[in-house]
C-alpha atoms as a PDB file:
ATOM      1  CA  UNK A   1       3.572  56.876  49.607  1.00  0.00           C
ATOM      2  CA  UNK A   2       7.259  57.333  50.376  1.00  0.00           C
ATOM      3  CA  UNK A   3       8.057  54.292  48.268  1.00  0.00           C
ATOM      4  CA  UNK A   4       6.186  55.789  45.316  1.00  0.00           C
ATOM      5  CA  UNK A   5       8.328  58.905  45.562  1.00  0.00           C
ATOM      6  CA  UNK A   6      11.575  56.937  45.887  1.00  0.00           C
ATOM      7  CA  UNK A   7      10.851  54.712  42.912  1.00  0.00           C
ATOM      8  CA  UNK A   8       9.587  57.615  40.820  1.00  0.00           C
ATOM      9  CA  UNK A   9      12.805  59.515  41.442  1.00  0.00           C
ATOM     10  CA  UNK A  10      15.029  56.486  40.805  1.00  0.00           C
ATOM     11  CA  UNK A  11      13.327  55.509  37.553  1.00  0.00           C
ATOM     12  CA  UNK A  12      12.978  59.113  36.388  1.00  0.00           C
ATOM     13  CA  UNK A  13      16.675  59.668  36.957  1.00  0.00           C
ATOM     14  CA  UNK A  14      17.456  56.481  35.047  1.00  0.00           C
ATOM     15  CA  UNK A  15      15.368  57.627  32.101  1.00  0.00           C
ATOM     16  CA  UNK A  16      16.777  61.141  32.248  1.00  0.00           C
ATOM     17  CA  UNK A  17      20.356  59.899  32.288  1.00  0.00           C
ATOM     18  CA  UNK A  18      19.654  57.603  29.358  1.00  0.00           C
ATOM     19  CA  UNK A  19      18.195  60.464  27.343  1.00  0.00           C
ATOM     20  CA  UNK A  20      20.999  62.869  28.260  1.00  0.00           C
ATOM     21  CA  UNK A  21      23.830  60.347  27.885  1.00  0.00           C
ATOM     22  CA  UNK A  22      25.140  61.922  24.621  1.00  0.00           C
ATOM     23  CA  UNK A  23      25.077  65.370  26.210  1.00  0.00           C
ATOM     24  CA  UNK A  24      27.085  64.144  29.218  1.00  0.00           C
ATOM     25  CA  UNK A  25      30.253  63.955  27.191  1.00  0.00           C
ATOM     26  CA  UNK A  26      29.975  67.582  26.036  1.00  0.00           C
ATOM     27  CA  UNK A  27      28.043  69.443  28.721  1.00  0.00           C
ATOM     28  CA  UNK A  28      28.281  67.689  32.059  1.00  0.00           C
ATOM     29  CA  UNK A  29      27.279  70.787  33.990  1.00  0.00           C
ATOM     30  CA  UNK A  30      24.001  70.996  32.130  1.00  0.00           C
ATOM     31  CA  UNK A  31      23.244  67.334  32.737  1.00  0.00           C
ATOM     32  CA  UNK A  32      23.986  67.631  36.467  1.00  0.00           C
ATOM     33  CA  UNK A  33      21.799  70.709  36.644  1.00  0.00           C
ATOM     34  CA  UNK A  34      18.991  68.858  34.878  1.00  0.00           C
ATOM     35  CA  UNK A  35      19.207  65.919  37.270  1.00  0.00           C
ATOM     36  CA  UNK A  36      19.250  68.222  40.277  1.00  0.00           C
ATOM     37  CA  UNK A  37      16.279  70.145  38.902  1.00  0.00           C
ATOM     38  CA  UNK A  38      14.321  66.926  38.440  1.00  0.00           C
ATOM     39  CA  UNK A  39      14.951  65.922  42.037  1.00  0.00           C
ATOM     40  CA  UNK A  40      13.938  69.327  43.384  1.00  0.00           C
ATOM     41  CA  UNK A  41      10.866  69.445  41.149  1.00  0.00           C
ATOM     42  CA  UNK A  42       9.771  65.979  42.247  1.00  0.00           C
ATOM     43  CA  UNK A  43      10.069  66.958  45.899  1.00  0.00           C
ATOM     44  CA  UNK A  44       8.257  70.260  45.321  1.00  0.00           C
ATOM     45  CA  UNK A  45       5.436  68.576  43.417  1.00  0.00           C
ATOM     46  CA  UNK A  46       4.977  66.042  46.156  1.00  0.00           C
ATOM     47  CA  UNK A  47       4.885  68.838  48.738  1.00  0.00           C
ATOM     48  CA  UNK A  48       2.046  70.432  46.772  1.00  0.00           C
ATOM     49  CA  UNK A  49      -0.140  67.458  45.824  1.00  0.00           C
ATOM     50  CA  UNK A  50       1.049  64.655  48.072  1.00  0.00           C
ATOM     51  CA  UNK A  51       1.121  64.027  51.762  1.00  0.00           C
ATOM     52  CA  UNK A  52       4.077  66.043  53.122  1.00  0.00           C
ATOM     53  CA  UNK A  53       3.795  64.409  56.504  1.00  0.00           C
ATOM     54  CA  UNK A  54       4.667  61.098  54.906  1.00  0.00           C
ATOM     55  CA  UNK A  55       8.137  62.455  54.169  1.00  0.00           C
ATOM     56  CA  UNK A  56       8.816  63.162  57.805  1.00  0.00           C
ATOM     57  CA  UNK A  57      11.052  60.619  59.546  1.00  0.00           C
ATOM     58  CA  UNK A  58       8.546  60.065  62.299  1.00  0.00           C
ATOM     59  CA  UNK A  59       5.894  59.123  59.726  1.00  0.00           C
ATOM     60  CA  UNK A  60       7.960  56.412  58.114  1.00  0.00           C
ATOM     61  CA  UNK A  61       6.928  53.070  59.507  1.00  0.00           C
ATOM     62  CA  UNK A  62       9.377  51.124  57.339  1.00  0.00           C
ATOM     63  CA  UNK A  63      13.062  51.472  56.669  1.00  0.00           C
ATOM     64  CA  UNK A  64      14.100  53.268  53.504  1.00  0.00           C
ATOM     65  CA  UNK A  65      14.745  50.670  50.764  1.00  0.00           C
ATOM     66  CA  UNK A  66      18.412  49.946  50.158  1.00  0.00           C
ATOM     67  CA  UNK A  67      17.984  48.319  46.739  1.00  0.00           C
ATOM     68  CA  UNK A  68      15.537  48.349  43.854  1.00  0.00           C
ATOM     69  CA  UNK A  69      14.329  44.915  44.958  1.00  0.00           C
ATOM     70  CA  UNK A  70      13.534  46.330  48.419  1.00  0.00           C
ATOM     71  CA  UNK A  71      11.756  49.309  46.912  1.00  0.00           C
ATOM     72  CA  UNK A  72       9.709  47.059  44.634  1.00  0.00           C
ATOM     73  CA  UNK A  73       8.694  44.934  47.617  1.00  0.00           C
ATOM     74  CA  UNK A  74       7.491  48.036  49.451  1.00  0.00           C
ATOM     75  CA  UNK A  75       5.673  49.271  46.357  1.00  0.00           C
ATOM     76  CA  UNK A  76       3.941  45.907  46.076  1.00  0.00           C
ATOM     77  CA  UNK A  77       2.830  46.258  49.696  1.00  0.00           C
ATOM     78  CA  UNK A  78       1.532  49.789  49.037  1.00  0.00           C
ATOM     79  CA  UNK A  79      -0.473  48.575  46.042  1.00  0.00           C
ATOM     80  CA  UNK A  80      -2.018  45.856  48.178  1.00  0.00           C
ATOM     81  CA  UNK A  81      -3.397  48.667  50.321  1.00  0.00           C
ATOM     82  CA  UNK A  82      -4.232  50.985  47.397  1.00  0.00           C
ATOM     83  CA  UNK A  83      -4.949  48.689  44.423  1.00  0.00           C
ATOM     84  CA  UNK A  84      -6.718  51.309  42.309  1.00  0.00           C
ATOM     85  CA  UNK A  85      -3.689  53.504  41.581  1.00  0.00           C
ATOM     86  CA  UNK A  86      -2.917  53.165  37.826  1.00  0.00           C
ATOM     87  CA  UNK A  87       0.311  55.144  38.039  1.00  0.00           C
ATOM     88  CA  UNK A  88       1.501  52.872  40.834  1.00  0.00           C
ATOM     89  CA  UNK A  89       0.911  49.818  38.658  1.00  0.00           C
ATOM     90  CA  UNK A  90       2.635  51.515  35.723  1.00  0.00           C
ATOM     91  CA  UNK A  91       5.624  52.262  37.945  1.00  0.00           C
ATOM     92  CA  UNK A  92       5.631  48.701  39.252  1.00  0.00           C
ATOM     93  CA  UNK A  93       5.562  47.365  35.691  1.00  0.00           C
ATOM     94  CA  UNK A  94       8.577  49.482  34.727  1.00  0.00           C
ATOM     95  CA  UNK A  95      10.376  48.350  37.855  1.00  0.00           C
ATOM     96  CA  UNK A  96       9.724  44.686  37.066  1.00  0.00           C
ATOM     97  CA  UNK A  97      10.957  45.233  33.513  1.00  0.00           C
ATOM     98  CA  UNK A  98      14.154  46.817  34.846  1.00  0.00           C
ATOM     99  CA  UNK A  99      14.656  43.664  36.929  1.00  0.00           C
ATOM    100  CA  UNK A 100      13.847  41.509  33.850  1.00  0.00           C
ATOM    101  CA  UNK A 101      10.802  40.070  35.627  1.00  0.00           C
ATOM    102  CA  UNK A 102       8.851  40.211  32.390  1.00  0.00           C
ATOM    103  CA  UNK A 103       5.919  38.040  33.456  1.00  0.00           C
ATOM    104  CA  UNK A 104       5.316  40.246  36.499  1.00  0.00           C
ATOM    105  CA  UNK A 105       5.764  43.359  34.336  1.00  0.00           C
ATOM    106  CA  UNK A 106       3.078  42.139  31.951  1.00  0.00           C
ATOM    107  CA  UNK A 107       0.620  41.542  34.803  1.00  0.00           C
ATOM    108  CA  UNK A 108       1.339  44.954  36.355  1.00  0.00           C
ATOM    109  CA  UNK A 109       0.739  46.764  33.057  1.00  0.00           C
ATOM    110  CA  UNK A 110      -2.452  44.772  32.494  1.00  0.00           C
ATOM    111  CA  UNK A 111      -3.730  45.986  35.854  1.00  0.00           C
ATOM    112  CA  UNK A 112      -2.750  49.564  34.989  1.00  0.00           C
ATOM    113  CA  UNK A 113      -4.635  49.347  31.675  1.00  0.00           C
ATOM    114  CA  UNK A 114      -7.728  48.081  33.474  1.00  0.00           C
ATOM    115  CA  UNK A 115      -7.664  51.232  35.589  1.00  0.00           C
ATOM    116  CA  UNK A 116      -6.627  53.650  32.820  1.00  0.00           C
ATOM    117  CA  UNK A 117      -7.754  52.228  29.462  1.00  0.00           C
ATOM    118  CA  UNK A 118      -7.612  55.525  27.549  1.00  0.00           C
ATOM    119  CA  UNK A 119      -3.894  56.254  28.029  1.00  0.00           C
ATOM    120  CA  UNK A 120      -2.224  55.527  24.656  1.00  0.00           C
ATOM    121  CA  UNK A 121       1.281  55.490  26.132  1.00  0.00           C
ATOM    122  CA  UNK A 122       0.212  52.973  28.763  1.00  0.00           C
ATOM    123  CA  UNK A 123      -1.401  50.750  26.145  1.00  0.00           C
ATOM    124  CA  UNK A 124       1.833  50.687  24.148  1.00  0.00           C
ATOM    125  CA  UNK A 125       3.846  49.909  27.291  1.00  0.00           C
ATOM    126  CA  UNK A 126       1.493  47.016  28.032  1.00  0.00           C
ATOM    127  CA  UNK A 127       1.897  45.683  24.496  1.00  0.00           C
ATOM    128  CA  UNK A 128       5.673  45.969  24.760  1.00  0.00           C
ATOM    129  CA  UNK A 129       5.589  44.085  28.073  1.00  0.00           C
ATOM    130  CA  UNK A 130       3.766  41.237  26.335  1.00  0.00           C
ATOM    131  CA  UNK A 131       6.408  41.264  23.601  1.00  0.00           C
ATOM    132  CA  UNK A 132       9.250  40.997  26.137  1.00  0.00           C
ATOM    133  CA  UNK A 133       7.426  38.211  27.985  1.00  0.00           C
ATOM    134  CA  UNK A 134       6.795  36.170  24.850  1.00  0.00           C
ATOM    135  CA  UNK A 135       9.378  33.353  24.534  1.00  0.00           C
ATOM    136  CA  UNK A 136       9.485  33.915  20.761  1.00  0.00           C
ATOM    137  CA  UNK A 137       9.587  37.707  21.175  1.00  0.00           C
ATOM    138  CA  UNK A 138       6.427  38.064  19.101  1.00  0.00           C
ATOM    139  CA  UNK A 139       3.476  40.408  19.453  1.00  0.00           C
ATOM    140  CA  UNK A 140       0.490  38.186  20.163  1.00  0.00           C
ATOM    141  CA  UNK A 141      -3.163  38.905  19.435  1.00  0.00           C
ATOM    142  CA  UNK A 142      -3.733  40.667  22.754  1.00  0.00           C
ATOM    143  CA  UNK A 143      -0.663  42.869  22.275  1.00  0.00           C
ATOM    144  CA  UNK A 144      -1.893  43.796  18.802  1.00  0.00           C
ATOM    145  CA  UNK A 145      -5.315  44.661  20.244  1.00  0.00           C
ATOM    146  CA  UNK A 146      -3.629  46.988  22.754  1.00  0.00           C
ATOM    147  CA  UNK A 147      -1.695  48.671  19.949  1.00  0.00           C
ATOM    148  CA  UNK A 148      -4.831  49.071  17.832  1.00  0.00           C
ATOM    149  CA  UNK A 149      -6.541  50.679  20.805  1.00  0.00           C
ATOM    150  CA  UNK A 150      -3.593  53.065  21.265  1.00  0.00           C
ATOM    151  CA  UNK A 151      -3.714  54.065  17.588  1.00  0.00           C
ATOM    152  CA  UNK A 152      -7.474  54.607  17.831  1.00  0.00           C
ATOM    153  CA  UNK A 153      -6.836  57.042  20.696  1.00  0.00           C
ATOM    154  CA  UNK A 154      -3.807  58.693  19.068  1.00  0.00           C
ATOM    155  CA  UNK A 155      -3.504  57.951  15.326  1.00  0.00           C
ATOM    156  CA  UNK A 156      -0.061  59.605  15.213  1.00  0.00           C
ATOM    157  CA  UNK A 157       1.487  57.646  18.091  1.00  0.00           C
ATOM    158  CA  UNK A 158       4.910  56.782  16.651  1.00  0.00           C
ATOM    159  CA  UNK A 159       5.801  53.911  18.977  1.00  0.00           C
ATOM    160  CA  UNK A 160       2.376  52.336  18.506  1.00  0.00           C
ATOM    161  CA  UNK A 161       2.675  52.543  14.721  1.00  0.00           C
ATOM    162  CA  UNK A 162       6.186  51.112  14.796  1.00  0.00           C
ATOM    163  CA  UNK A 163       5.032  48.093  16.803  1.00  0.00           C
ATOM    164  CA  UNK A 164       1.935  47.644  14.607  1.00  0.00           C
ATOM    165  CA  UNK A 165       4.242  47.435  11.593  1.00  0.00           C
ATOM    166  CA  UNK A 166       6.490  45.010  13.447  1.00  0.00           C
ATOM    167  CA  UNK A 167       3.506  42.771  14.198  1.00  0.00           C
ATOM    168  CA  UNK A 168       2.499  42.865  10.537  1.00  0.00           C
ATOM    169  CA  UNK A 169       6.031  41.860   9.532  1.00  0.00           C
ATOM    170  CA  UNK A 170       5.975  38.976  12.011  1.00  0.00           C
ATOM    171  CA  UNK A 171       2.707  37.795  10.461  1.00  0.00           C
ATOM    172  CA  UNK A 172       4.145  37.937   6.933  1.00  0.00           C
ATOM    173  CA  UNK A 173       2.010  40.946   5.953  1.00  0.00           C
ATOM    174  CA  UNK A 174       4.968  42.806   4.534  1.00  0.00           C
ATOM    175  CA  UNK A 175       3.130  45.225   2.246  1.00  0.00           C
ATOM    176  CA  UNK A 176       0.879  46.308   5.122  1.00  0.00           C
ATOM    177  CA  UNK A 177       3.908  46.829   7.374  1.00  0.00           C
ATOM    178  CA  UNK A 178       5.542  49.066   4.787  1.00  0.00           C
ATOM    179  CA  UNK A 179       2.318  51.046   4.443  1.00  0.00           C
ATOM    180  CA  UNK A 180       2.076  51.430   8.233  1.00  0.00           C
ATOM    181  CA  UNK A 181       5.657  52.684   8.529  1.00  0.00           C
ATOM    182  CA  UNK A 182       5.790  54.991   5.517  1.00  0.00           C
ATOM    183  CA  UNK A 183       3.928  57.938   7.165  1.00  0.00           C
ATOM    184  CA  UNK A 184       6.526  57.897   9.972  1.00  0.00           C
ATOM    185  CA  UNK A 185       9.249  58.995   7.539  1.00  0.00           C
ATOM    186  CA  UNK A 186       7.973  62.583   7.617  1.00  0.00           C
ATOM    187  CA  UNK A 187       7.743  62.637  11.419  1.00  0.00           C
ATOM    188  CA  UNK A 188      11.115  61.303  12.605  1.00  0.00           C
ATOM    189  CA  UNK A 189      14.557  62.889  12.431  1.00  0.00           C
ATOM    190  CA  UNK A 190      16.631  62.425   9.226  1.00  0.00           C
ATOM    191  CA  UNK A 191      18.934  59.775  10.685  1.00  0.00           C
ATOM    192  CA  UNK A 192      16.031  57.683  11.956  1.00  0.00           C
ATOM    193  CA  UNK A 193      14.218  58.207   8.650  1.00  0.00           C
ATOM    194  CA  UNK A 194      17.196  56.825   6.732  1.00  0.00           C
ATOM    195  CA  UNK A 195      17.213  53.650   8.815  1.00  0.00           C
ATOM    196  CA  UNK A 196      13.423  53.364   8.754  1.00  0.00           C
ATOM    197  CA  UNK A 197      13.490  53.695   4.967  1.00  0.00           C
ATOM    198  CA  UNK A 198      15.777  50.644   4.854  1.00  0.00           C
ATOM    199  CA  UNK A 199      13.299  48.684   6.976  1.00  0.00           C
ATOM    200  CA  UNK A 200      10.428  49.782   4.749  1.00  0.00           C
ATOM    201  CA  UNK A 201      12.266  48.786   1.594  1.00  0.00           C
ATOM    202  CA  UNK A 202      13.080  45.368   3.050  1.00  0.00           C
ATOM    203  CA  UNK A 203       9.383  44.899   3.824  1.00  0.00           C
ATOM    204  CA  UNK A 204       8.466  46.043   0.311  1.00  0.00           C
ATOM    205  CA  UNK A 205      11.025  43.674  -1.192  1.00  0.00           C
ATOM    206  CA  UNK A 206       9.554  40.771   0.783  1.00  0.00           C
ATOM    207  CA  UNK A 207       6.135  41.796  -0.575  1.00  0.00           C
ATOM    208  CA  UNK A 208       7.431  41.883  -4.163  1.00  0.00           C
ATOM    209  CA  UNK A 209       7.167  45.683  -4.364  1.00  0.00           C
ATOM    210  CA  UNK A 210       9.775  48.135  -5.682  1.00  0.00           C
ATOM    211  CA  UNK A 211      11.716  50.279  -3.176  1.00  0.00           C
ATOM    212  CA  UNK A 212      10.586  53.760  -2.279  1.00  0.00           C
ATOM    213  CA  UNK A 213      12.052  56.603  -4.292  1.00  0.00           C
ATOM    214  CA  UNK A 214      14.834  58.011  -2.141  1.00  0.00           C
ATOM    215  CA  UNK A 215      13.963  61.699  -1.953  1.00  0.00           C
ATOM    216  CA  UNK A 216      15.365  62.247   1.565  1.00  0.00           C
ATOM    217  CA  UNK A 217      18.821  63.827   1.925  1.00  0.00           C
ATOM    218  CA  UNK A 218      21.482  61.447   3.095  1.00  0.00           C
ATOM    219  CA  UNK A 219      22.420  61.773   6.748  1.00  0.00           C
ATOM    220  CA  UNK A 220      25.831  63.337   7.108  1.00  0.00           C
ATOM    221  CA  UNK A 221      28.617  61.982   9.253  1.00  0.00           C
ATOM    222  CA  UNK A 222      28.436  65.177  11.318  1.00  0.00           C
ATOM    223  CA  UNK A 223      24.818  64.504  12.322  1.00  0.00           C
ATOM    224  CA  UNK A 224      25.272  60.781  12.918  1.00  0.00           C
ATOM    225  CA  UNK A 225      28.749  60.230  14.348  1.00  0.00           C
ATOM    226  CA  UNK A 226      29.944  56.727  15.066  1.00  0.00           C
ATOM    227  CA  UNK A 227      29.566  55.819  18.726  1.00  0.00           C
ATOM    228  CA  UNK A 228      31.267  52.442  18.401  1.00  0.00           C
ATOM    229  CA  UNK A 229      33.699  50.978  15.894  1.00  0.00           C
ATOM    230  CA  UNK A 230      33.553  47.218  15.471  1.00  0.00           C
ATOM    231  CA  UNK A 231      36.223  45.191  13.699  1.00  0.00           C
ATOM    232  CA  UNK A 232      35.008  41.779  12.560  1.00  0.00           C
ATOM    233  CA  UNK A 233      37.522  39.007  11.966  1.00  0.00           C
ATOM    234  CA  UNK A 234      36.972  35.514  10.552  1.00  0.00           C
ATOM    235  CA  UNK A 235      38.733  32.496  12.037  1.00  0.00           C
ATOM    236  CA  UNK A 236      40.921  30.819   9.370  1.00  0.00           C
ATOM    237  CA  UNK A 237      39.229  27.480  10.014  1.00  0.00           C
ATOM    238  CA  UNK A 238      35.899  28.864   8.760  1.00  0.00           C
ATOM    239  CA  UNK A 239      37.071  30.472   5.530  1.00  0.00           C
ATOM    240  CA  UNK A 240      36.067  27.431   3.476  1.00  0.00           C
ATOM    241  CA  UNK A 241      32.498  27.706   4.801  1.00  0.00           C
ATOM    242  CA  UNK A 242      31.846  31.042   3.062  1.00  0.00           C
ATOM    243  CA  UNK A 243      29.559  30.948   0.037  1.00  0.00           C
ATOM    244  CA  UNK A 244      28.302  33.442  -2.555  1.00  0.00           C
ATOM    245  CA  UNK A 245      25.275  35.291  -1.253  1.00  0.00           C
ATOM    246  CA  UNK A 246      26.304  35.174   2.399  1.00  0.00           C
ATOM    247  CA  UNK A 247      25.477  38.318   4.364  1.00  0.00           C
ATOM    248  CA  UNK A 248      27.342  39.842   7.289  1.00  0.00           C
ATOM    249  CA  UNK A 249      25.208  41.321  10.061  1.00  0.00           C
ATOM    250  CA  UNK A 250      26.783  43.436  12.783  1.00  0.00           C
ATOM    251  CA  UNK A 251      24.456  44.776  15.452  1.00  0.00           C
ATOM    252  CA  UNK A 252      24.171  46.092  18.971  1.00  0.00           C
ATOM    253  CA  UNK A 253      21.310  45.121  21.265  1.00  0.00           C
ATOM    254  CA  UNK A 254      20.124  45.897  24.771  1.00  0.00           C
ATOM    255  CA  UNK A 255      21.715  43.794  27.477  1.00  0.00           C
ATOM    256  CA  UNK A 256      18.964  41.585  28.859  1.00  0.00           C
ATOM    257  CA  UNK A 257      16.432  43.219  26.555  1.00  0.00           C
ATOM    258  CA  UNK A 258      14.538  42.128  23.443  1.00  0.00           C
ATOM    259  CA  UNK A 259      16.396  40.696  20.445  1.00  0.00           C
ATOM    260  CA  UNK A 260      15.577  43.705  18.277  1.00  0.00           C
ATOM    261  CA  UNK A 261      18.843  45.626  17.768  1.00  0.00           C
ATOM    262  CA  UNK A 262      19.367  49.279  18.662  1.00  0.00           C
ATOM    263  CA  UNK A 263      21.923  49.595  15.847  1.00  0.00           C
ATOM    264  CA  UNK A 264      22.577  47.288  12.911  1.00  0.00           C
ATOM    265  CA  UNK A 265      24.575  47.062   9.707  1.00  0.00           C
ATOM    266  CA  UNK A 266      24.019  44.606   6.842  1.00  0.00           C
ATOM    267  CA  UNK A 267      26.972  44.059   4.517  1.00  0.00           C
ATOM    268  CA  UNK A 268      27.894  41.665   1.734  1.00  0.00           C
ATOM    269  CA  UNK A 269      30.576  39.225   2.799  1.00  0.00           C
ATOM    270  CA  UNK A 270      33.966  40.210   1.414  1.00  0.00           C
ATOM    271  CA  UNK A 271      37.515  40.234   2.719  1.00  0.00           C
ATOM    272  CA  UNK A 272      38.190  40.073   6.433  1.00  0.00           C
ATOM    273  CA  UNK A 273      38.851  41.828   8.737  1.00  0.00           C
ATOM    274  CA  UNK A 274      36.191  44.453   8.107  1.00  0.00           C
ATOM    275  CA  UNK A 275      35.612  47.591  10.194  1.00  0.00           C
ATOM    276  CA  UNK A 276      32.026  48.681  10.847  1.00  0.00           C
ATOM    277  CA  UNK A 277      31.013  51.969  12.547  1.00  0.00           C
ATOM    278  CA  UNK A 278      27.748  52.006  14.520  1.00  0.00           C
ATOM    279  CA  UNK A 279      25.827  55.141  15.485  1.00  0.00           C
ATOM    280  CA  UNK A 280      22.345  56.518  16.032  1.00  0.00           C
ATOM    281  CA  UNK A 281      21.751  56.543  12.283  1.00  0.00           C
ATOM    282  CA  UNK A 282      21.940  52.756  12.313  1.00  0.00           C
ATOM    283  CA  UNK A 283      18.972  52.264  14.639  1.00  0.00           C
ATOM    284  CA  UNK A 284      16.164  50.183  13.097  1.00  0.00           C
ATOM    285  CA  UNK A 285      13.767  51.421  15.788  1.00  0.00           C
ATOM    286  CA  UNK A 286      12.608  55.045  15.876  1.00  0.00           C
ATOM    287  CA  UNK A 287      11.843  54.630  19.582  1.00  0.00           C
ATOM    288  CA  UNK A 288      15.343  53.742  20.784  1.00  0.00           C
ATOM    289  CA  UNK A 289      18.808  54.921  19.776  1.00  0.00           C
ATOM    290  CA  UNK A 290      22.266  53.583  20.508  1.00  0.00           C
ATOM    291  CA  UNK A 291      23.241  56.759  22.368  1.00  0.00           C
ATOM    292  CA  UNK A 292      20.435  56.229  24.897  1.00  0.00           C
ATOM    293  CA  UNK A 293      22.177  53.171  26.353  1.00  0.00           C
ATOM    294  CA  UNK A 294      25.365  53.188  28.444  1.00  0.00           C
ATOM    295  CA  UNK A 295      26.206  49.607  27.447  1.00  0.00           C
ATOM    296  CA  UNK A 296      25.191  47.215  24.680  1.00  0.00           C
ATOM    297  CA  UNK A 297      25.936  43.707  23.516  1.00  0.00           C
ATOM    298  CA  UNK A 298      27.745  43.491  20.165  1.00  0.00           C
ATOM    299  CA  UNK A 299      27.019  40.594  17.837  1.00  0.00           C
ATOM    300  CA  UNK A 300      28.434  39.592  14.429  1.00  0.00           C
ATOM    301  CA  UNK A 301      26.931  36.872  12.263  1.00  0.00           C
ATOM    302  CA  UNK A 302      27.393  35.610   8.708  1.00  0.00           C
ATOM    303  CA  UNK A 303      23.919  34.563   7.627  1.00  0.00           C
ATOM    304  CA  UNK A 304      23.325  31.807   5.105  1.00  0.00           C
ATOM    305  CA  UNK A 305      19.695  32.890   4.783  1.00  0.00           C
ATOM    306  CA  UNK A 306      18.156  36.280   4.088  1.00  0.00           C
ATOM    307  CA  UNK A 307      17.548  37.524   7.623  1.00  0.00           C
ATOM    308  CA  UNK A 308      19.592  38.404  10.711  1.00  0.00           C
ATOM    309  CA  UNK A 309      17.969  35.779  12.962  1.00  0.00           C
ATOM    310  CA  UNK A 310      20.390  32.933  13.717  1.00  0.00           C
ATOM    311  CA  UNK A 311      19.825  29.773  11.707  1.00  0.00           C
ATOM    312  CA  UNK A 312      21.575  26.431  11.654  1.00  0.00           C
ATOM    313  CA  UNK A 313      24.740  26.711   9.591  1.00  0.00           C
ATOM    314  CA  UNK A 314      25.259  30.428  10.153  1.00  0.00           C
ATOM    315  CA  UNK A 315      28.677  31.562  11.306  1.00  0.00           C
ATOM    316  CA  UNK A 316      28.866  33.789  14.364  1.00  0.00           C
ATOM    317  CA  UNK A 317      31.082  35.408  16.973  1.00  0.00           C
ATOM    318  CA  UNK A 318      30.698  35.329  20.724  1.00  0.00           C
ATOM    319  CA  UNK A 319      28.828  38.418  21.916  1.00  0.00           C
ATOM    320  CA  UNK A 320      30.884  41.189  23.505  1.00  0.00           C
ATOM    321  CA  UNK A 321      29.693  43.777  26.036  1.00  0.00           C
ATOM    322  CA  UNK A 322      30.588  47.302  24.941  1.00  0.00           C
ATOM    323  CA  UNK A 323      30.519  50.724  26.607  1.00  0.00           C
ATOM    324  CA  UNK A 324      28.762  53.174  24.312  1.00  0.00           C
ATOM    325  CA  UNK A 325      31.209  56.012  23.874  1.00  0.00           C
ATOM    326  CA  UNK A 326      32.559  57.706  20.761  1.00  0.00           C
ATOM    327  CA  UNK A 327      36.024  56.397  19.999  1.00  0.00           C
ATOM    328  CA  UNK A 328      35.559  52.992  21.626  1.00  0.00           C
ATOM    329  CA  UNK A 329      36.635  50.098  19.410  1.00  0.00           C
ATOM    330  CA  UNK A 330      35.893  46.397  19.787  1.00  0.00           C
ATOM    331  CA  UNK A 331      36.861  43.242  17.906  1.00  0.00           C
ATOM    332  CA  UNK A 332      34.545  40.311  17.207  1.00  0.00           C
ATOM    333  CA  UNK A 333      35.944  37.050  15.863  1.00  0.00           C
ATOM    334  CA  UNK A 334      33.557  34.811  13.948  1.00  0.00           C
ATOM    335  CA  UNK A 335      34.786  31.405  15.021  1.00  0.00           C
ATOM    336  CA  UNK A 336      31.829  29.041  15.381  1.00  0.00           C
ATOM    337  CA  UNK A 337      28.972  27.492  13.428  1.00  0.00           C
ATOM    338  CA  UNK A 338      25.410  27.851  14.713  1.00  0.00           C
ATOM    339  CA  UNK A 339      24.215  24.295  15.535  1.00  0.00           C
END
């Protein structure tokens, strides 16, 4: 059980730090206090409901893990002994995902769902694991079934509804995706709603429908400050490859994560260089914001088609790793043609 506690603390701290990352820059004392409180609370909870003797040095039969890989190995061993612990399998799945072992993560979440099939959050995590493990980054039929089950349990589950709409978009059911996402507009914050509205209108456009009437107030710069400023340059050798109707996409995505961006801008191609600010208001996903990540990968692409996915003939820049911090600036040079 010691390994469960160690991994729970490590992953909880990772999540907590990700959530509090924006606050760190303005109120470090509060963040440190929150982290310390989490550690104390975890220990206290374990003292109450766990096996306190297991925390004693003399009760530890194995060395404390030095790395996440070591801790995962010990957790795997514990689950061999206690295979009917759904929270252990959930924790193992998150650990595998952190190590980018997506196939193992999928199997761990599947086992957790077998043991706890009525947990909507767990069902969504299992569906997301299947998405990450899919070579085409698509939600397959089983992932969609998990999402439908989550929505049946909790009809207002925002992450489940977002992924359901994503699956509908991937299947070409654009009008249904827009209809799935539209109720979320009243439930998310204004900045997320503004970005989600863009996604909905793109889905409606692909379905041949008019855009939604924009009744929401525009997000102000004060509520959605730029966290990164990206300058995009075009190599002189590629200037003659520009054509009317080309679109510039600038986006940030998780390092080692899915291709879906955490912040994105779509602009008509004009004069270069062009400066593009990215912030939380540019997130196309209501479940993940730019400020929740310490680092991202920046990408710039001039698309010859209608979408941001790379296609033969597109023009793109080499990806750049960026630290997410207000005031940081980066330059991307579009200097190659997608083969």
